[in-house]
Amino acid sequence: MSDTPAESPEAPDFDAMARDIAEVPAVEVIVTVAVNLMSAAAVKLGLTEEGDTYKDLDEARKLVHALAGLLDASATEISSFHAAPLRDGLKSLQLAFREASVVPDETGQGPGEKYTGPVFG
């Protein structure tokens, strides 16, 4: 046994974290969250190099639906410059979901279509 006490991990500096967050514009936070949702959905749809290793359509449905809701809710808050590529990515994920589904959803009932309307290829 060692005579030196084990070092305890330092508590997070919440004040510094709050200052860091305060400096980030809301648009950047929204876009970052959207990109994270898109990335996670792509993994769950099996669209990454790992392919079907992490494929889980139930999880993908939730992520795509959440992304659509976020984009719908923030549409008036972020510019077209930010929104257009996110909407394109969402549509691509919705189409990929439709293609990956063994039993396709009815038109307008796919993930996120509550917010985007029916998605057609």
N, C-alpha and C. Protein backbone atom coordinates (compact mmCIF):
# COMPACT_ATOMS: atom_id res chain seq x y z
N MET A 1 0.83 -1.18 0.00
CA MET A 1 0.00 0.00 0.00
C MET A 1 0.87 1.24 0.00
N SER A 2 0.37 2.25 -0.57
CA SER A 2 1.10 3.50 -0.66
C SER A 2 0.74 4.40 0.52
N ASP A 3 1.71 5.22 0.94
CA ASP A 3 1.46 6.15 2.04
C ASP A 3 0.79 7.44 1.57
N THR A 4 0.78 7.67 0.27
CA THR A 4 0.18 8.90 -0.24
C THR A 4 -1.32 8.69 -0.45
N PRO A 5 -2.12 9.64 -0.01
CA PRO A 5 -3.56 9.50 -0.18
C PRO A 5 -3.93 9.57 -1.67
N ALA A 6 -4.96 8.84 -2.03
CA ALA A 6 -5.44 8.87 -3.42
C ALA A 6 -5.99 10.26 -3.72
N GLU A 7 -5.66 10.74 -4.90
CA GLU A 7 -6.15 12.06 -5.29
C GLU A 7 -7.63 11.95 -5.64
N SER A 8 -8.41 12.86 -5.07
CA SER A 8 -9.83 12.85 -5.39
C SER A 8 -10.04 13.69 -6.64
N PRO A 9 -10.94 13.25 -7.48
CA PRO A 9 -11.19 14.03 -8.69
C PRO A 9 -11.76 15.39 -8.31
N GLU A 10 -11.34 16.40 -9.05
CA GLU A 10 -11.83 17.75 -8.77
C GLU A 10 -13.28 17.88 -9.20
N ALA A 11 -14.01 18.66 -8.44
CA ALA A 11 -15.41 18.93 -8.79
C ALA A 11 -15.43 19.81 -10.04
N PRO A 12 -16.40 19.60 -10.91
CA PRO A 12 -16.47 20.43 -12.11
C PRO A 12 -16.65 21.91 -11.74
N ASP A 13 -16.06 22.76 -12.51
CA ASP A 13 -16.19 24.21 -12.31
C ASP A 13 -17.43 24.70 -13.05
N PHE A 14 -18.56 24.65 -12.36
CA PHE A 14 -19.83 25.00 -12.99
C PHE A 14 -19.89 26.47 -13.40
N ASP A 15 -19.21 27.33 -12.67
CA ASP A 15 -19.20 28.75 -13.05
C ASP A 15 -18.50 28.92 -14.40
N ALA A 16 -17.39 28.24 -14.59
CA ALA A 16 -16.66 28.33 -15.86
C ALA A 16 -17.50 27.73 -16.99
N MET A 17 -18.17 26.63 -16.69
CA MET A 17 -19.01 26.00 -17.71
C MET A 17 -20.15 26.93 -18.11
N ALA A 18 -20.75 27.60 -17.15
CA ALA A 18 -21.85 28.52 -17.44
C ALA A 18 -21.35 29.70 -18.27
N ARG A 19 -20.14 30.21 -17.95
CA ARG A 19 -19.57 31.30 -18.75
C ARG A 19 -19.33 30.84 -20.18
N ASP A 20 -18.81 29.62 -20.35
CA ASP A 20 -18.55 29.10 -21.69
C ASP A 20 -19.84 29.00 -22.49
N ILE A 21 -20.88 28.48 -21.85
CA ILE A 21 -22.17 28.33 -22.53
C ILE A 21 -22.76 29.70 -22.85
N ALA A 22 -22.59 30.65 -21.97
CA ALA A 22 -23.14 31.99 -22.17
C ALA A 22 -22.55 32.67 -23.40
N GLU A 23 -21.34 32.28 -23.78
CA GLU A 23 -20.67 32.91 -24.92
C GLU A 23 -21.08 32.31 -26.26
N VAL A 24 -21.80 31.22 -26.25
CA VAL A 24 -22.19 30.54 -27.49
C VAL A 24 -23.56 31.04 -27.93
N PRO A 25 -23.66 31.53 -29.17
CA PRO A 25 -24.97 31.98 -29.67
C PRO A 25 -25.97 30.82 -29.74
N ALA A 26 -27.22 31.12 -29.52
CA ALA A 26 -28.28 30.11 -29.52
C ALA A 26 -28.32 29.32 -30.83
N VAL A 27 -28.09 30.00 -31.95
CA VAL A 27 -28.11 29.32 -33.26
C VAL A 27 -27.06 28.21 -33.29
N GLU A 28 -25.90 28.46 -32.75
CA GLU A 28 -24.85 27.44 -32.73
C GLU A 28 -25.24 26.26 -31.85
N VAL A 29 -25.88 26.52 -30.74
CA VAL A 29 -26.33 25.43 -29.87
C VAL A 29 -27.36 24.58 -30.60
N ILE A 30 -28.33 25.23 -31.25
CA ILE A 30 -29.38 24.51 -31.97
C ILE A 30 -28.78 23.67 -33.09
N VAL A 31 -27.88 24.26 -33.87
CA VAL A 31 -27.27 23.54 -34.99
C VAL A 31 -26.44 22.37 -34.47
N THR A 32 -25.71 22.57 -33.39
CA THR A 32 -24.90 21.49 -32.82
C THR A 32 -25.76 20.33 -32.36
N VAL A 33 -26.85 20.63 -31.69
CA VAL A 33 -27.77 19.58 -31.24
C VAL A 33 -28.35 18.85 -32.45
N ALA A 34 -28.74 19.61 -33.48
CA ALA A 34 -29.31 19.00 -34.69
C ALA A 34 -28.30 18.07 -35.36
N VAL A 35 -27.07 18.50 -35.46
CA VAL A 35 -26.03 17.68 -36.09
C VAL A 35 -25.78 16.42 -35.27
N ASN A 36 -25.80 16.54 -33.95
CA ASN A 36 -25.63 15.35 -33.10
C ASN A 36 -26.79 14.37 -33.30
N LEU A 37 -28.01 14.88 -33.38
CA LEU A 37 -29.16 14.02 -33.63
C LEU A 37 -29.05 13.34 -35.00
N MET A 38 -28.60 14.10 -36.00
CA MET A 38 -28.43 13.53 -37.34
C MET A 38 -27.38 12.42 -37.34
N SER A 39 -26.28 12.67 -36.67
CA SER A 39 -25.21 11.68 -36.62
C SER A 39 -25.66 10.41 -35.92
N ALA A 40 -26.35 10.57 -34.80
CA ALA A 40 -26.83 9.41 -34.06
C ALA A 40 -27.85 8.63 -34.89
N ALA A 41 -28.73 9.34 -35.59
CA ALA A 41 -29.73 8.67 -36.43
C ALA A 41 -29.06 7.91 -37.56
N ALA A 42 -28.03 8.48 -38.16
CA ALA A 42 -27.32 7.80 -39.24
C ALA A 42 -26.69 6.50 -38.75
N VAL A 43 -26.12 6.54 -37.55
CA VAL A 43 -25.55 5.32 -36.98
C VAL A 43 -26.64 4.28 -36.76
N LYS A 44 -27.76 4.69 -36.18
CA LYS A 44 -28.85 3.76 -35.89
C LYS A 44 -29.54 3.25 -37.16
N LEU A 45 -29.38 3.97 -38.27
CA LEU A 45 -29.93 3.51 -39.55
C LEU A 45 -28.94 2.61 -40.29
N GLY A 46 -27.74 2.46 -39.75
CA GLY A 46 -26.74 1.62 -40.40
C GLY A 46 -26.06 2.29 -41.57
N LEU A 47 -25.98 3.62 -41.55
CA LEU A 47 -25.42 4.37 -42.67
C LEU A 47 -23.94 4.69 -42.52
N THR A 48 -23.30 4.16 -41.49
CA THR A 48 -21.89 4.45 -41.26
C THR A 48 -21.03 3.30 -41.79
N GLU A 49 -19.73 3.45 -41.68
CA GLU A 49 -18.81 2.41 -42.14
C GLU A 49 -19.05 1.07 -41.45
N GLU A 50 -19.53 1.13 -40.21
CA GLU A 50 -19.79 -0.10 -39.46
C GLU A 50 -21.03 -0.83 -39.98
N GLY A 51 -21.80 -0.17 -40.84
CA GLY A 51 -22.99 -0.79 -41.42
C GLY A 51 -24.03 -1.14 -40.39
N ASP A 52 -24.46 -2.39 -40.43
CA ASP A 52 -25.57 -2.84 -39.58
C ASP A 52 -25.17 -3.14 -38.14
N THR A 53 -23.91 -2.95 -37.78
CA THR A 53 -23.45 -3.27 -36.43
C THR A 53 -24.29 -2.59 -35.36
N TYR A 54 -24.61 -1.33 -35.56
CA TYR A 54 -25.37 -0.57 -34.56
C TYR A 54 -26.78 -0.24 -35.03
N LYS A 55 -27.24 -0.90 -36.07
CA LYS A 55 -28.55 -0.60 -36.64
C LYS A 55 -29.66 -0.93 -35.65
N ASP A 56 -30.55 0.04 -35.44
CA ASP A 56 -31.68 -0.12 -34.54
C ASP A 56 -32.75 0.87 -35.00
N LEU A 57 -33.70 0.37 -35.77
CA LEU A 57 -34.69 1.26 -36.38
C LEU A 57 -35.62 1.92 -35.36
N ASP A 58 -35.87 1.25 -34.25
CA ASP A 58 -36.70 1.87 -33.21
C ASP A 58 -36.00 3.11 -32.66
N GLU A 59 -34.71 2.98 -32.38
CA GLU A 59 -33.94 4.13 -31.89
C GLU A 59 -33.81 5.19 -32.98
N ALA A 60 -33.61 4.78 -34.21
CA ALA A 60 -33.49 5.73 -35.32
C ALA A 60 -34.77 6.54 -35.46
N ARG A 61 -35.92 5.88 -35.34
CA ARG A 61 -37.21 6.57 -35.44
C ARG A 61 -37.29 7.70 -34.40
N LYS A 62 -36.90 7.41 -33.18
CA LYS A 62 -36.96 8.42 -32.11
C LYS A 62 -36.04 9.61 -32.42
N LEU A 63 -34.85 9.31 -32.90
CA LEU A 63 -33.89 10.37 -33.19
C LEU A 63 -34.35 11.25 -34.36
N VAL A 64 -34.86 10.61 -35.41
CA VAL A 64 -35.33 11.37 -36.58
C VAL A 64 -36.54 12.21 -36.18
N HIS A 65 -37.43 11.65 -35.39
CA HIS A 65 -38.60 12.40 -34.93
C HIS A 65 -38.17 13.61 -34.08
N ALA A 66 -37.22 13.40 -33.19
CA ALA A 66 -36.73 14.51 -32.35
C ALA A 66 -36.07 15.58 -33.20
N LEU A 67 -35.30 15.17 -34.20
CA LEU A 67 -34.66 16.13 -35.10
C LEU A 67 -35.71 16.96 -35.83
N ALA A 68 -36.73 16.29 -36.34
CA ALA A 68 -37.80 17.01 -37.06
C ALA A 68 -38.49 18.00 -36.14
N GLY A 69 -38.75 17.60 -34.91
CA GLY A 69 -39.38 18.50 -33.95
C GLY A 69 -38.52 19.71 -33.63
N LEU A 70 -37.24 19.47 -33.45
CA LEU A 70 -36.30 20.57 -33.18
C LEU A 70 -36.26 21.55 -34.35
N LEU A 71 -36.16 21.02 -35.56
CA LEU A 71 -36.10 21.91 -36.72
C LEU A 71 -37.41 22.65 -36.93
N ASP A 72 -38.52 22.00 -36.68
CA ASP A 72 -39.81 22.67 -36.80
C ASP A 72 -39.93 23.80 -35.77
N ALA A 73 -39.54 23.50 -34.55
CA ALA A 73 -39.66 24.50 -33.47
C ALA A 73 -38.70 25.67 -33.64
N SER A 74 -37.56 25.42 -34.25
CA SER A 74 -36.55 26.48 -34.36
C SER A 74 -36.53 27.14 -35.73
N ALA A 75 -37.43 26.78 -36.61
CA ALA A 75 -37.42 27.29 -37.99
C ALA A 75 -37.40 28.81 -38.05
N THR A 76 -38.15 29.45 -37.18
CA THR A 76 -38.19 30.92 -37.23
C THR A 76 -37.03 31.56 -36.47
N GLU A 77 -36.28 30.75 -35.76
CA GLU A 77 -35.19 31.29 -34.93
C GLU A 77 -33.82 31.19 -35.60
N ILE A 78 -33.69 30.29 -36.57
CA ILE A 78 -32.40 30.16 -37.26
C ILE A 78 -32.59 30.57 -38.72
N SER A 79 -31.53 31.05 -39.31
CA SER A 79 -31.63 31.54 -40.68
C SER A 79 -31.72 30.39 -41.68
N SER A 80 -32.13 30.71 -42.89
CA SER A 80 -32.17 29.72 -43.97
C SER A 80 -30.79 29.14 -44.23
N PHE A 81 -29.77 29.96 -44.01
CA PHE A 81 -28.39 29.51 -44.18
C PHE A 81 -28.12 28.27 -43.33
N HIS A 82 -28.64 28.26 -42.11
CA HIS A 82 -28.45 27.12 -41.21
C HIS A 82 -29.53 26.06 -41.41
N ALA A 83 -30.76 26.50 -41.65
CA ALA A 83 -31.89 25.58 -41.70
C ALA A 83 -31.91 24.71 -42.94
N ALA A 84 -31.57 25.25 -44.09
CA ALA A 84 -31.68 24.50 -45.35
C ALA A 84 -30.88 23.20 -45.34
N PRO A 85 -29.59 23.22 -44.99
CA PRO A 85 -28.86 21.95 -44.99
C PRO A 85 -29.36 20.98 -43.93
N LEU A 86 -29.87 21.49 -42.82
CA LEU A 86 -30.42 20.61 -41.79
C LEU A 86 -31.70 19.94 -42.29
N ARG A 87 -32.54 20.70 -42.98
CA ARG A 87 -33.77 20.12 -43.56
C ARG A 87 -33.43 19.07 -44.62
N ASP A 88 -32.40 19.34 -45.42
CA ASP A 88 -31.97 18.36 -46.43
C ASP A 88 -31.48 17.07 -45.77
N GLY A 89 -30.71 17.24 -44.70
CA GLY A 89 -30.22 16.07 -43.96
C GLY A 89 -31.35 15.29 -43.34
N LEU A 90 -32.33 16.00 -42.80
CA LEU A 90 -33.50 15.34 -42.21
C LEU A 90 -34.24 14.53 -43.27
N LYS A 91 -34.47 15.13 -44.43
CA LYS A 91 -35.17 14.41 -45.50
C LYS A 91 -34.40 13.16 -45.91
N SER A 92 -33.08 13.27 -46.00
CA SER A 92 -32.27 12.10 -46.36
C SER A 92 -32.41 10.99 -45.33
N LEU A 93 -32.44 11.36 -44.07
CA LEU A 93 -32.61 10.37 -43.01
C LEU A 93 -34.00 9.74 -43.06
N GLN A 94 -35.01 10.56 -43.34
CA GLN A 94 -36.37 10.03 -43.44
C GLN A 94 -36.48 9.04 -44.60
N LEU A 95 -35.86 9.36 -45.72
CA LEU A 95 -35.89 8.45 -46.87
C LEU A 95 -35.10 7.18 -46.58
N ALA A 96 -33.97 7.33 -45.89
CA ALA A 96 -33.18 6.15 -45.52
C ALA A 96 -33.94 5.26 -44.57
N PHE A 97 -34.70 5.87 -43.66
CA PHE A 97 -35.52 5.09 -42.74
C PHE A 97 -36.58 4.31 -43.52
N ARG A 98 -37.23 4.98 -44.44
CA ARG A 98 -38.27 4.33 -45.24
C ARG A 98 -37.68 3.15 -46.02
N GLU A 99 -36.50 3.34 -46.57
CA GLU A 99 -35.83 2.29 -47.34
C GLU A 99 -35.41 1.12 -46.44
N ALA A 100 -34.99 1.41 -45.22
CA ALA A 100 -34.51 0.37 -44.31
C ALA A 100 -35.63 -0.42 -43.65
N SER A 101 -36.83 0.14 -43.63
CA SER A 101 -37.95 -0.51 -42.95
C SER A 101 -38.46 -1.71 -43.74
N VAL A 102 -38.62 -2.82 -43.05
CA VAL A 102 -39.18 -4.00 -43.68
C VAL A 102 -40.67 -3.78 -43.95
N VAL A 103 -41.34 -3.17 -43.00
CA VAL A 103 -42.75 -2.82 -43.15
C VAL A 103 -42.83 -1.29 -43.17
N PRO A 104 -42.94 -0.72 -44.37
CA PRO A 104 -42.94 0.75 -44.45
C PRO A 104 -44.13 1.40 -43.75
N ASP A 105 -43.89 2.57 -43.22
CA ASP A 105 -44.97 3.36 -42.62
C ASP A 105 -45.89 3.86 -43.72
N GLU A 106 -47.14 4.12 -43.35
CA GLU A 106 -48.05 4.74 -44.30
C GLU A 106 -47.53 6.15 -44.61
N THR A 107 -47.87 6.65 -45.78
CA THR A 107 -47.46 7.99 -46.17
C THR A 107 -47.88 9.00 -45.11
N GLY A 108 -46.94 9.80 -44.67
CA GLY A 108 -47.21 10.81 -43.65
C GLY A 108 -47.08 10.31 -42.22
N GLN A 109 -46.81 9.01 -42.05
CA GLN A 109 -46.71 8.44 -40.70
C GLN A 109 -45.28 8.06 -40.33
N GLY A 110 -44.32 8.34 -41.18
CA GLY A 110 -42.92 8.02 -40.89
C GLY A 110 -42.36 8.94 -39.83
N PRO A 111 -41.14 8.66 -39.38
CA PRO A 111 -40.55 9.49 -38.33
C PRO A 111 -40.41 10.94 -38.77
N GLY A 112 -40.92 11.82 -37.96
CA GLY A 112 -40.81 13.25 -38.21
C GLY A 112 -41.80 13.81 -39.19
N GLU A 113 -42.55 12.94 -39.87
CA GLU A 113 -43.49 13.43 -40.88
C GLU A 113 -44.65 14.20 -40.26
N LYS A 114 -44.83 14.04 -38.97
CA LYS A 114 -45.82 14.85 -38.24
C LYS A 114 -45.44 16.33 -38.38
N TYR A 115 -44.14 16.61 -38.46
CA TYR A 115 -43.66 17.98 -38.55
C TYR A 115 -43.36 18.42 -39.98
N THR A 116 -42.91 17.49 -40.81
CA THR A 116 -42.46 17.86 -42.14
C THR A 116 -43.50 17.61 -43.23
N GLY A 117 -44.52 16.82 -42.90
CA GLY A 117 -45.44 16.37 -43.93
C GLY A 117 -44.85 15.14 -44.60
N PRO A 118 -45.59 14.51 -45.50
CA PRO A 118 -45.11 13.29 -46.16
C PRO A 118 -43.80 13.54 -46.91
N VAL A 119 -42.94 12.54 -46.86
CA VAL A 119 -41.64 12.63 -47.53
C VAL A 119 -41.65 11.64 -48.69
N PHE A 120 -41.33 12.15 -49.87
CA PHE A 120 -41.28 11.33 -51.06
C PHE A 120 -39.88 11.40 -51.65
N GLY A 121 -39.43 10.31 -52.22
CA GLY A 121 -38.10 10.26 -52.85
C GLY A 121 -38.07 10.99 -54.10
